[in-house]
PDB file of all heavy atoms in Angstrom:
ATOM      1  N   ALA A   1      96.074-141.176 107.963  1.00  0.00           N
ATOM      2  CA  ALA A   1      95.841-142.140 106.889  1.00  0.00           C
ATOM      3  C   ALA A   1      96.489-143.489 107.271  1.00  0.00           C
ATOM      4  O   ALA A   1      95.869-144.521 107.021  1.00  0.00           O
ATOM      5  CB  ALA A   1      96.376-141.636 105.566  1.00  0.00           C
ATOM      6  N   VAL A   2      97.716-143.470 107.722  1.00  0.00           N
ATOM      7  CA  VAL A   2      98.388-144.733 108.077  1.00  0.00           C
ATOM      8  C   VAL A   2      97.673-145.468 109.244  1.00  0.00           C
ATOM      9  O   VAL A   2      97.483-146.642 109.182  1.00  0.00           O
ATOM     10  CB  VAL A   2      99.906-144.473 108.447  1.00  0.00           C
ATOM     11  CG1 VAL A   2     100.592-145.747 108.885  1.00  0.00           C
ATOM     12  CG2 VAL A   2     100.623-143.851 107.258  1.00  0.00           C
ATOM     13  N   ARG A   3      97.221-144.678 110.283  1.00  0.00           N
ATOM     14  CA  ARG A   3      96.427-145.285 111.339  1.00  0.00           C
ATOM     15  C   ARG A   3      95.132-145.897 110.775  1.00  0.00           C
ATOM     16  O   ARG A   3      94.776-147.024 111.208  1.00  0.00           O
ATOM     17  CB  ARG A   3      96.106-144.243 112.402  1.00  0.00           C
ATOM     18  CG  ARG A   3      97.224-143.945 113.379  1.00  0.00           C
ATOM     19  CD  ARG A   3      96.740-143.092 114.517  1.00  0.00           C
ATOM     20  NE  ARG A   3      97.818-142.295 114.965  1.00  0.00           N
ATOM     21  CZ  ARG A   3      98.097-141.026 114.609  1.00  0.00           C
ATOM     22  NH1 ARG A   3      97.330-140.431 113.776  1.00  0.00           N
ATOM     23  NH2 ARG A   3      99.165-140.412 115.061  1.00  0.00           N
ATOM     24  N   MET A   4      94.481-145.239 109.849  1.00  0.00           N
ATOM     25  CA  MET A   4      93.254-145.753 109.248  1.00  0.00           C
ATOM     26  C   MET A   4      93.545-147.056 108.549  1.00  0.00           C
ATOM     27  O   MET A   4      92.802-148.003 108.674  1.00  0.00           O
ATOM     28  CB  MET A   4      92.646-144.679 108.323  1.00  0.00           C
ATOM     29  CG  MET A   4      91.344-145.166 107.688  1.00  0.00           C
ATOM     30  SD  MET A   4      90.928-144.297 106.190  1.00  0.00           S
ATOM     31  CE  MET A   4      92.224-144.710 105.085  1.00  0.00           C
ATOM     32  N   TRP A   5      94.664-147.063 107.755  1.00  0.00           N
ATOM     33  CA  TRP A   5      94.995-148.284 107.042  1.00  0.00           C
ATOM     34  C   TRP A   5      95.201-149.443 108.002  1.00  0.00           C
ATOM     35  O   TRP A   5      94.757-150.547 107.763  1.00  0.00           O
ATOM     36  CB  TRP A   5      96.274-148.104 106.258  1.00  0.00           C
ATOM     37  CG  TRP A   5      96.153-147.320 104.975  1.00  0.00           C
ATOM     38  CD1 TRP A   5      94.995-146.722 104.494  1.00  0.00           C
ATOM     39  CD2 TRP A   5      97.210-146.900 104.114  1.00  0.00           C
ATOM     40  NE1 TRP A   5      95.316-146.018 103.332  1.00  0.00           N
ATOM     41  CE2 TRP A   5      96.670-146.145 103.055  1.00  0.00           C
ATOM     42  CE3 TRP A   5      98.550-147.176 104.127  1.00  0.00           C
ATOM     43  CZ2 TRP A   5      97.464-145.636 102.042  1.00  0.00           C
ATOM     44  CZ3 TRP A   5      99.333-146.682 103.081  1.00  0.00           C
ATOM     45  CH2 TRP A   5      98.751-145.915 102.041  1.00  0.00           C
ATOM     46  N   GLU A   6      95.836-149.148 109.121  1.00  0.00           N
ATOM     47  CA  GLU A   6      96.092-150.212 110.135  1.00  0.00           C
ATOM     48  C   GLU A   6      94.791-150.628 110.776  1.00  0.00           C
ATOM     49  O   GLU A   6      94.552-151.834 110.909  1.00  0.00           O
ATOM     50  CB  GLU A   6      97.065-149.751 111.178  1.00  0.00           C
ATOM     51  CG  GLU A   6      97.562-150.861 112.107  1.00  0.00           C
ATOM     52  CD  GLU A   6      98.522-150.382 113.145  1.00  0.00           C
ATOM     53  OE1 GLU A   6      99.700-150.200 112.825  1.00  0.00           O
ATOM     54  OE2 GLU A   6      98.083-150.205 114.307  1.00  0.00           O
ATOM     55  N   ASN A   7      93.969-149.658 111.159  1.00  0.00           N
ATOM     56  CA  ASN A   7      92.662-150.021 111.793  1.00  0.00           C
ATOM     57  C   ASN A   7      91.744-150.826 110.882  1.00  0.00           C
ATOM     58  O   ASN A   7      90.965-151.649 111.312  1.00  0.00           O
ATOM     59  CB  ASN A   7      91.981-148.776 112.281  1.00  0.00           C
ATOM     60  CG  ASN A   7      92.653-148.169 113.461  1.00  0.00           C
ATOM     61  OD1 ASN A   7      93.416-148.840 114.214  1.00  0.00           O
ATOM     62  ND2 ASN A   7      92.554-146.820 113.650  1.00  0.00           N
ATOM     63  N   LYS A   8      91.811-150.557 109.534  1.00  0.00           N
ATOM     64  CA  LYS A   8      90.981-151.235 108.610  1.00  0.00           C
ATOM     65  C   LYS A   8      91.600-152.568 108.129  1.00  0.00           C
ATOM     66  O   LYS A   8      91.016-153.273 107.366  1.00  0.00           O
ATOM     67  CB  LYS A   8      90.707-150.380 107.348  1.00  0.00           C
ATOM     68  CG  LYS A   8      89.795-149.234 107.640  1.00  0.00           C
ATOM     69  CD  LYS A   8      89.506-148.494 106.334  1.00  0.00           C
ATOM     70  CE  LYS A   8      88.390-147.455 106.534  1.00  0.00           C
ATOM     71  NZ  LYS A   8      87.962-146.804 105.309  1.00  0.00           N
ATOM     72  N   GLY A   9      92.873-152.832 108.607  1.00  0.00           N
ATOM     73  CA  GLY A   9      93.544-154.072 108.235  1.00  0.00           C
ATOM     74  C   GLY A   9      94.210-154.048 106.839  1.00  0.00           C
ATOM     75  O   GLY A   9      94.641-155.090 106.335  1.00  0.00           O
ATOM     76  N   ILE A  10      94.276-152.901 106.279  1.00  0.00           N
ATOM     77  CA  ILE A  10      94.953-152.754 104.960  1.00  0.00           C
ATOM     78  C   ILE A  10      96.453-153.038 105.158  1.00  0.00           C
ATOM     79  O   ILE A  10      97.035-153.777 104.345  1.00  0.00           O
ATOM     80  CB  ILE A  10      94.707-151.347 104.397  1.00  0.00           C
ATOM     81  CG1 ILE A  10      93.242-151.136 104.044  1.00  0.00           C
ATOM     82  CG2 ILE A  10      95.560-151.131 103.125  1.00  0.00           C
ATOM     83  CD1 ILE A  10      92.779-149.788 103.715  1.00  0.00           C
ATOM     84  N   ILE A  11      97.065-152.500 106.190  1.00  0.00           N
ATOM     85  CA  ILE A  11      98.399-152.872 106.571  1.00  0.00           C
ATOM     86  C   ILE A  11      98.301-153.596 107.926  1.00  0.00           C
ATOM     87  O   ILE A  11      97.361-153.316 108.724  1.00  0.00           O
ATOM     88  CB  ILE A  11      99.362-151.683 106.613  1.00  0.00           C
ATOM     89  CG1 ILE A  11      98.948-150.674 107.695  1.00  0.00           C
ATOM     90  CG2 ILE A  11      99.525-151.062 105.261  1.00  0.00           C
ATOM     91  CD1 ILE A  11      99.969-149.553 107.928  1.00  0.00           C
ATOM     92  N   PRO A  12      99.205-154.468 108.198  1.00  0.00           N
ATOM     93  CA  PRO A  12      99.108-155.203 109.489  1.00  0.00           C
ATOM     94  C   PRO A  12      99.388-154.261 110.670  1.00  0.00           C
ATOM     95  O   PRO A  12     100.105-153.252 110.530  1.00  0.00           O
ATOM     96  CB  PRO A  12     100.282-156.223 109.394  1.00  0.00           C
ATOM     97  CG  PRO A  12     100.733-156.288 107.943  1.00  0.00           C
ATOM     98  CD  PRO A  12     100.309-154.945 107.370  1.00  0.00           C
ATOM     99  N   LYS A  13      98.885-154.591 111.785  1.00  0.00           N
ATOM    100  CA  LYS A  13      99.197-153.863 113.020  1.00  0.00           C
ATOM    101  C   LYS A  13     100.636-154.103 113.390  1.00  0.00           C
ATOM    102  O   LYS A  13     101.141-155.199 113.257  1.00  0.00           O
ATOM    103  CB  LYS A  13      98.284-154.307 114.197  1.00  0.00           C
ATOM    104  CG  LYS A  13      96.817-153.943 113.995  1.00  0.00           C
ATOM    105  CD  LYS A  13      96.057-154.280 115.275  1.00  0.00           C
ATOM    106  CE  LYS A  13      94.582-153.986 115.074  1.00  0.00           C
ATOM    107  NZ  LYS A  13      94.241-152.598 114.940  1.00  0.00           N
ATOM    108  N   THR A  14     101.285-153.037 113.814  1.00  0.00           N
ATOM    109  CA  THR A  14     102.658-153.151 114.243  1.00  0.00           C
ATOM    110  C   THR A  14     102.622-153.883 115.607  1.00  0.00           C
ATOM    111  O   THR A  14     101.694-153.760 116.361  1.00  0.00           O
ATOM    112  CB  THR A  14     103.390-151.817 114.386  1.00  0.00           C
ATOM    113  OG1 THR A  14     104.764-152.033 114.746  1.00  0.00           O
ATOM    114  CG2 THR A  14     102.719-150.843 115.290  1.00  0.00           C
ATOM    115  N   TRP A  15     103.714-154.570 115.904  1.00  0.00           N
ATOM    116  CA  TRP A  15     103.827-155.306 117.190  1.00  0.00           C
ATOM    117  C   TRP A  15     104.392-154.479 118.318  1.00  0.00           C
ATOM    118  O   TRP A  15     104.444-154.929 119.439  1.00  0.00           O
ATOM    119  CB  TRP A  15     104.714-156.581 116.975  1.00  0.00           C
ATOM    120  CG  TRP A  15     104.418-157.295 115.759  1.00  0.00           C
ATOM    121  CD1 TRP A  15     103.251-157.981 115.452  1.00  0.00           C
ATOM    122  CD2 TRP A  15     105.262-157.481 114.625  1.00  0.00           C
ATOM    123  NE1 TRP A  15     103.343-158.512 114.228  1.00  0.00           N
ATOM    124  CE2 TRP A  15     104.557-158.280 113.683  1.00  0.00           C
ATOM    125  CE3 TRP A  15     106.558-157.100 114.352  1.00  0.00           C
ATOM    126  CZ2 TRP A  15     105.121-158.607 112.483  1.00  0.00           C
ATOM    127  CZ3 TRP A  15     107.078-157.446 113.105  1.00  0.00           C
ATOM    128  CH2 TRP A  15     106.320-158.244 112.227  1.00  0.00           C
ATOM    129  N   PHE A  16     104.809-153.287 117.986  1.00  0.00           N
ATOM    130  CA  PHE A  16     105.571-152.479 118.965  1.00  0.00           C
ATOM    131  C   PHE A  16     104.790-151.149 119.285  1.00  0.00           C
ATOM    132  O   PHE A  16     104.228-150.520 118.377  1.00  0.00           O
ATOM    133  CB  PHE A  16     106.934-152.149 118.440  1.00  0.00           C
ATOM    134  CG  PHE A  16     107.665-153.384 117.963  1.00  0.00           C
ATOM    135  CD1 PHE A  16     107.823-153.585 116.603  1.00  0.00           C
ATOM    136  CD2 PHE A  16     108.208-154.242 118.869  1.00  0.00           C
ATOM    137  CE1 PHE A  16     108.522-154.726 116.133  1.00  0.00           C
ATOM    138  CE2 PHE A  16     108.894-155.402 118.437  1.00  0.00           C
ATOM    139  CZ  PHE A  16     109.011-155.651 117.097  1.00  0.00           C
ATOM    140  N   ARG A  17     104.823-150.772 120.549  1.00  0.00           N
ATOM    141  CA  ARG A  17     104.245-149.521 120.995  1.00  0.00           C
ATOM    142  C   ARG A  17     105.200-148.926 122.088  1.00  0.00           C
ATOM    143  O   ARG A  17     105.874-149.678 122.773  1.00  0.00           O
ATOM    144  CB  ARG A  17     102.886-149.730 121.657  1.00  0.00           C
ATOM    145  CG  ARG A  17     101.825-150.335 120.793  1.00  0.00           C
ATOM    146  CD  ARG A  17     101.098-149.316 119.991  1.00  0.00           C
ATOM    147  NE  ARG A  17     100.087-149.923 119.143  1.00  0.00           N
ATOM    148  CZ  ARG A  17      98.996-149.342 118.797  1.00  0.00           C
ATOM    149  NH1 ARG A  17      98.782-148.137 119.231  1.00  0.00           N
ATOM    150  NH2 ARG A  17      98.181-149.901 117.973  1.00  0.00           N
ATOM    151  N   ASP A  18     105.222-147.617 122.199  1.00  0.00           N
ATOM    152  CA  ASP A  18     106.008-147.018 123.274  1.00  0.00           C
ATOM    153  C   ASP A  18     105.167-146.984 124.563  1.00  0.00           C
ATOM    154  O   ASP A  18     104.012-147.531 124.563  1.00  0.00           O
ATOM    155  CB  ASP A  18     106.548-145.653 122.916  1.00  0.00           C
ATOM    156  CG  ASP A  18     105.451-144.580 122.873  1.00  0.00           C
ATOM    157  OD1 ASP A  18     104.247-144.804 123.207  1.00  0.00           O
ATOM    158  OD2 ASP A  18     105.774-143.423 122.490  1.00  0.00           O
ATOM    159  N   LYS A  19     105.682-146.532 125.634  1.00  0.00           N
ATOM    160  CA  LYS A  19     104.942-146.606 126.903  1.00  0.00           C
ATOM    161  C   LYS A  19     103.676-145.727 126.927  1.00  0.00           C
ATOM    162  O   LYS A  19     102.836-145.916 127.794  1.00  0.00           O
ATOM    163  CB  LYS A  19     105.899-146.141 128.065  1.00  0.00           C
ATOM    164  CG  LYS A  19     106.277-144.694 128.045  1.00  0.00           C
ATOM    165  CD  LYS A  19     107.210-144.430 129.145  1.00  0.00           C
ATOM    166  CE  LYS A  19     107.734-142.934 129.099  1.00  0.00           C
ATOM    167  NZ  LYS A  19     108.629-142.657 130.156  1.00  0.00           N
ATOM    168  N   PHE A  20     103.486-144.904 125.947  1.00  0.00           N
ATOM    169  CA  PHE A  20     102.254-144.107 125.827  1.00  0.00           C
ATOM    170  C   PHE A  20     101.302-144.685 124.828  1.00  0.00           C
ATOM    171  O   PHE A  20     100.262-144.120 124.486  1.00  0.00           O
ATOM    172  CB  PHE A  20     102.612-142.669 125.401  1.00  0.00           C
ATOM    173  CG  PHE A  20     103.543-142.014 126.359  1.00  0.00           C
ATOM    174  CD1 PHE A  20     104.906-141.787 125.995  1.00  0.00           C
ATOM    175  CD2 PHE A  20     103.153-141.591 127.609  1.00  0.00           C
ATOM    176  CE1 PHE A  20     105.767-141.189 126.906  1.00  0.00           C
ATOM    177  CE2 PHE A  20     103.995-141.017 128.488  1.00  0.00           C
ATOM    178  CZ  PHE A  20     105.302-140.825 128.145  1.00  0.00           C
ATOM    179  N   GLY A  21     101.659-145.845 124.231  1.00  0.00           N
ATOM    180  CA  GLY A  21     100.776-146.542 123.285  1.00  0.00           C
ATOM    181  C   GLY A  21     100.964-146.084 121.829  1.00  0.00           C
ATOM    182  O   GLY A  21     100.222-146.499 120.938  1.00  0.00           O
ATOM    183  N   LYS A  22     101.983-145.280 121.583  1.00  0.00           N
ATOM    184  CA  LYS A  22     102.252-144.799 120.159  1.00  0.00           C
ATOM    185  C   LYS A  22     102.895-145.890 119.381  1.00  0.00           C
ATOM    186  O   LYS A  22     103.766-146.623 119.829  1.00  0.00           O
ATOM    187  CB  LYS A  22     103.085-143.538 120.207  1.00  0.00           C
ATOM    188  CG  LYS A  22     102.380-142.376 120.849  1.00  0.00           C
ATOM    189  CD  LYS A  22     103.210-141.123 120.736  1.00  0.00           C
ATOM    190  CE  LYS A  22     102.431-139.980 121.404  1.00  0.00           C
ATOM    191  NZ  LYS A  22     103.002-138.708 121.036  1.00  0.00           N
ATOM    192  N   ARG A  23     102.421-146.041 118.128  1.00  0.00           N
ATOM    193  CA  ARG A  23     102.921-147.054 117.245  1.00  0.00           C
ATOM    194  C   ARG A  23     104.403-146.876 116.936  1.00  0.00           C
ATOM    195  O   ARG A  23     104.846-145.744 116.634  1.00  0.00           O
ATOM    196  CB  ARG A  23     102.170-147.044 115.913  1.00  0.00           C
ATOM    197  CG  ARG A  23     100.691-147.465 116.065  1.00  0.00           C
ATOM    198  CD  ARG A  23      99.923-147.046 114.830  1.00  0.00           C
ATOM    199  NE  ARG A  23      98.536-147.521 114.785  1.00  0.00           N
ATOM    200  CZ  ARG A  23      97.563-146.965 115.462  1.00  0.00           C
ATOM    201  NH1 ARG A  23      97.707-145.862 116.154  1.00  0.00           N
ATOM    202  NH2 ARG A  23      96.372-147.464 115.323  1.00  0.00           N
ATOM    203  N   LEU A  24     105.124-147.985 116.900  1.00  0.00           N
ATOM    204  CA  LEU A  24     106.538-147.990 116.528  1.00  0.00           C
ATOM    205  C   LEU A  24     106.753-149.100 115.475  1.00  0.00           C
ATOM    206  O   LEU A  24     106.125-150.183 115.553  1.00  0.00           O
ATOM    207  CB  LEU A  24     107.391-148.325 117.748  1.00  0.00           C
ATOM    208  CG  LEU A  24     107.395-147.194 118.814  1.00  0.00           C
ATOM    209  CD1 LEU A  24     107.999-147.788 120.168  1.00  0.00           C
ATOM    210  CD2 LEU A  24     108.229-146.040 118.354  1.00  0.00           C
ATOM    211  N   TYR A  25     107.614-148.880 114.529  1.00  0.00           N
ATOM    212  CA  TYR A  25     107.882-149.793 113.439  1.00  0.00           C
ATOM    213  C   TYR A  25     109.371-150.009 113.271  1.00  0.00           C
ATOM    214  O   TYR A  25     110.147-149.021 113.426  1.00  0.00           O
ATOM    215  CB  TYR A  25     107.394-149.222 112.127  1.00  0.00           C
ATOM    216  CG  TYR A  25     105.881-148.977 112.103  1.00  0.00           C
ATOM    217  CD1 TYR A  25     105.391-147.784 112.584  1.00  0.00           C
ATOM    218  CD2 TYR A  25     104.996-149.893 111.573  1.00  0.00           C
ATOM    219  CE1 TYR A  25     104.007-147.552 112.541  1.00  0.00           C
ATOM    220  CE2 TYR A  25     103.620-149.630 111.501  1.00  0.00           C
ATOM    221  CZ  TYR A  25     103.133-148.428 112.016  1.00  0.00           C
ATOM    222  OH  TYR A  25     101.787-148.233 112.016  1.00  0.00           O
ATOM    223  N   THR A  26     109.793-151.194 112.972  1.00  0.00           N
ATOM    224  CA  THR A  26     111.190-151.477 112.649  1.00  0.00           C
ATOM    225  C   THR A  26     111.448-150.852 111.256  1.00  0.00           C
ATOM    226  O   THR A  26     110.502-150.638 110.500  1.00  0.00           O
ATOM    227  CB  THR A  26     111.543-152.969 112.646  1.00  0.00           C
ATOM    228  OG1 THR A  26     110.829-153.581 111.545  1.00  0.00           O
ATOM    229  CG2 THR A  26     111.184-153.657 113.958  1.00  0.00           C
ATOM    230  N   ALA A  27     112.732-150.667 110.990  1.00  0.00           N
ATOM    231  CA  ALA A  27     113.103-150.193 109.623  1.00  0.00           C
ATOM    232  C   ALA A  27     112.618-151.207 108.591  1.00  0.00           C
ATOM    233  O   ALA A  27     112.182-150.807 107.487  1.00  0.00           O
ATOM    234  CB  ALA A  27     114.566-149.995 109.524  1.00  0.00           C
ATOM    235  N   GLU A  28     112.680-152.484 108.923  1.00  0.00           N
ATOM    236  CA  GLU A  28     112.236-153.511 107.938  1.00  0.00           C
ATOM    237  C   GLU A  28     110.701-153.463 107.751  1.00  0.00           C
ATOM    238  O   GLU A  28     110.262-153.674 106.606  1.00  0.00           O
ATOM    239  CB  GLU A  28     112.638-154.871 108.461  1.00  0.00           C
ATOM    240  CG  GLU A  28     114.119-155.091 108.429  1.00  0.00           C
ATOM    241  CD  GLU A  28     114.531-156.383 109.129  1.00  0.00           C
ATOM    242  OE1 GLU A  28     114.202-156.570 110.274  1.00  0.00           O
ATOM    243  OE2 GLU A  28     115.249-157.165 108.478  1.00  0.00           O
ATOM    244  N   GLN A  29     109.919-153.162 108.767  1.00  0.00           N
ATOM    245  CA  GLN A  29     108.463-153.033 108.568  1.00  0.00           C
ATOM    246  C   GLN A  29     108.201-151.810 107.679  1.00  0.00           C
ATOM    247  O   GLN A  29     107.385-151.907 106.751  1.00  0.00           O
ATOM    248  CB  GLN A  29     107.783-152.844 109.905  1.00  0.00           C
ATOM    249  CG  GLN A  29     107.683-154.065 110.741  1.00  0.00           C
ATOM    250  CD  GLN A  29     107.087-153.794 112.090  1.00  0.00           C
ATOM    251  OE1 GLN A  29     107.597-152.907 112.838  1.00  0.00           O
ATOM    252  NE2 GLN A  29     105.983-154.462 112.425  1.00  0.00           N
ATOM    253  N   ILE A  30     108.903-150.698 107.926  1.00  0.00           N
ATOM    254  CA  ILE A  30     108.721-149.501 107.095  1.00  0.00           C
ATOM    255  C   ILE A  30     109.072-149.866 105.660  1.00  0.00           C
ATOM    256  O   ILE A  30     108.345-149.522 104.702  1.00  0.00           O
ATOM    257  CB  ILE A  30     109.527-148.346 107.650  1.00  0.00           C
ATOM    258  CG1 ILE A  30     108.883-147.865 108.969  1.00  0.00           C
ATOM    259  CG2 ILE A  30     109.561-147.190 106.677  1.00  0.00           C
ATOM    260  CD1 ILE A  30     109.675-146.856 109.733  1.00  0.00           C
ATOM    261  N   GLU A  31     110.259-150.480 105.499  1.00  0.00           N
ATOM    262  CA  GLU A  31     110.714-150.830 104.139  1.00  0.00           C
ATOM    263  C   GLU A  31     109.684-151.689 103.425  1.00  0.00           C
ATOM    264  O   GLU A  31     109.411-151.531 102.246  1.00  0.00           O
ATOM    265  CB  GLU A  31     112.028-151.651 104.249  1.00  0.00           C
ATOM    266  CG  GLU A  31     113.228-150.978 103.746  1.00  0.00           C
ATOM    267  CD  GLU A  31     114.465-151.874 103.955  1.00  0.00           C
ATOM    268  OE1 GLU A  31     114.549-152.964 103.399  1.00  0.00           O
ATOM    269  OE2 GLU A  31     115.329-151.399 104.680  1.00  0.00           O
ATOM    270  N   ALA A  32     109.153-152.687 104.136  1.00  0.00           N
ATOM    271  CA  ALA A  32     108.162-153.583 103.534  1.00  0.00           C
ATOM    272  C   ALA A  32     106.936-152.876 103.022  1.00  0.00           C
ATOM    273  O   ALA A  32     106.457-153.078 101.897  1.00  0.00           O
ATOM    274  CB  ALA A  32     107.793-154.672 104.498  1.00  0.00           C
ATOM    275  N   ILE A  33     106.416-151.928 103.854  1.00  0.00           N
ATOM    276  CA  ILE A  33     105.177-151.178 103.448  1.00  0.00           C
ATOM    277  C   ILE A  33     105.520-150.254 102.304  1.00  0.00           C
ATOM    278  O   ILE A  33     104.767-150.177 101.339  1.00  0.00           O
ATOM    279  CB  ILE A  33     104.635-150.396 104.688  1.00  0.00           C
ATOM    280  CG1 ILE A  33     104.124-151.443 105.768  1.00  0.00           C
ATOM    281  CG2 ILE A  33     103.503-149.492 104.273  1.00  0.00           C
ATOM    282  CD1 ILE A  33     103.801-150.799 107.115  1.00  0.00           C
ATOM    283  N   VAL A  34     106.610-149.549 102.387  1.00  0.00           N
ATOM    284  CA  VAL A  34     106.984-148.609 101.376  1.00  0.00           C
ATOM    285  C   VAL A  34     107.252-149.363 100.078  1.00  0.00           C
ATOM    286  O   VAL A  34     106.815-148.925  98.962  1.00  0.00           O
ATOM    287  CB  VAL A  34     108.192-147.767 101.764  1.00  0.00           C
ATOM    288  CG1 VAL A  34     108.739-146.928 100.576  1.00  0.00           C
ATOM    289  CG2 VAL A  34     107.842-146.862 102.944  1.00  0.00           C
ATOM    290  N   HIS A  35     107.969-150.496 100.112  1.00  0.00           N
ATOM    291  CA  HIS A  35     108.234-151.270  98.913  1.00  0.00           C
ATOM    292  C   HIS A  35     106.890-151.758  98.305  1.00  0.00           C
ATOM    293  O   HIS A  35     106.690-151.701  97.103  1.00  0.00           O
ATOM    294  CB  HIS A  35     109.110-152.506  99.262  1.00  0.00           C
ATOM    295  CG  HIS A  35     109.364-153.400  98.088  1.00  0.00           C
ATOM    296  ND1 HIS A  35     110.209-153.065  97.071  1.00  0.00           N
ATOM    297  CD2 HIS A  35     108.846-154.630  97.815  1.00  0.00           C
ATOM    298  CE1 HIS A  35     110.177-154.048  96.193  1.00  0.00           C
ATOM    299  NE2 HIS A  35     109.384-154.999  96.620  1.00  0.00           N
ATOM    300  N   SER A  36     105.996-152.213  99.110  1.00  0.00           N
ATOM    301  CA  SER A  36     104.668-152.681  98.639  1.00  0.00           C
ATOM    302  C   SER A  36     103.926-151.537  97.973  1.00  0.00           C
ATOM    303  O   SER A  36     103.292-151.737  96.963  1.00  0.00           O
ATOM    304  CB  SER A  36     103.823-153.290  99.762  1.00  0.00           C
ATOM    305  OG  SER A  36     104.460-154.413 100.282  1.00  0.00           O
ATOM    306  N   ALA A  37     104.034-150.354  98.576  1.00  0.00           N
ATOM    307  CA  ALA A  37     103.363-149.203  98.001  1.00  0.00           C
ATOM    308  C   ALA A  37     103.955-148.843  96.603  1.00  0.00           C
ATOM    309  O   ALA A  37     103.258-148.568  95.650  1.00  0.00           O
ATOM    310  CB  ALA A  37     103.466-147.976  98.903  1.00  0.00           C
ATOM    311  N   ASP A  38     105.317-148.956  96.520  1.00  0.00           N
ATOM    312  CA  ASP A  38     105.993-148.643  95.243  1.00  0.00           C
ATOM    313  C   ASP A  38     105.625-149.687  94.207  1.00  0.00           C
ATOM    314  O   ASP A  38     105.264-149.338  93.042  1.00  0.00           O
ATOM    315  CB  ASP A  38     107.485-148.629  95.439  1.00  0.00           C
ATOM    316  CG  ASP A  38     107.986-147.393  96.177  1.00  0.00           C
ATOM    317  OD1 ASP A  38     107.248-146.394  96.296  1.00  0.00           O
ATOM    318  OD2 ASP A  38     109.130-147.428  96.670  1.00  0.00           O
ATOM    319  N   VAL A  39     105.695-150.956  94.540  1.00  0.00           N
ATOM    320  CA  VAL A  39     105.415-152.039  93.610  1.00  0.00           C
ATOM    321  C   VAL A  39     103.987-151.954  93.070  1.00  0.00           C
ATOM    322  O   VAL A  39     103.721-152.226  91.924  1.00  0.00           O
ATOM    323  CB  VAL A  39     105.677-153.429  94.273  1.00  0.00           C
ATOM    324  CG1 VAL A  39     105.086-154.563  93.447  1.00  0.00           C
ATOM    325  CG2 VAL A  39     107.154-153.661  94.474  1.00  0.00           C
ATOM    326  N   ASN A  40     103.064-151.579  93.977  1.00  0.00           N
ATOM    327  CA  ASN A  40     101.652-151.522  93.586  1.00  0.00           C
ATOM    328  C   ASN A  40     101.250-150.151  93.135  1.00  0.00           C
ATOM    329  O   ASN A  40     100.021-149.908  92.921  1.00  0.00           O
ATOM    330  CB  ASN A  40     100.797-151.960  94.783  1.00  0.00           C
ATOM    331  CG  ASN A  40     100.893-153.475  94.986  1.00  0.00           C
ATOM    332  OD1 ASN A  40     100.321-154.267  94.236  1.00  0.00           O
ATOM    333  ND2 ASN A  40     101.688-153.869  95.977  1.00  0.00           N
ATOM    334  N   ASN A  41     102.175-149.271  92.992  1.00  0.00           N
ATOM    335  CA  ASN A  41     101.915-147.871  92.466  1.00  0.00           C
ATOM    336  C   ASN A  41     100.813-147.158  93.215  1.00  0.00           C
ATOM    337  O   ASN A  41      99.883-146.611  92.623  1.00  0.00           O
ATOM    338  CB  ASN A  41     101.577-147.959  90.961  1.00  0.00           C
ATOM    339  CG  ASN A  41     101.750-146.630  90.249  1.00  0.00           C
ATOM    340  OD1 ASN A  41     102.512-145.740  90.736  1.00  0.00           O
ATOM    341  ND2 ASN A  41     101.036-146.452  89.188  1.00  0.00           N
TER     342      ASN A  41
END
């Protein structure tokens, strides 16, 4: 679901990937998305 949201542009693409191309997020990015989800119920 999170990958789908990113691919559809619902959430921004993360700027970070590991050497295998797996998505990585800073704690602040996670906080921002979770906070937005909470605020918007």
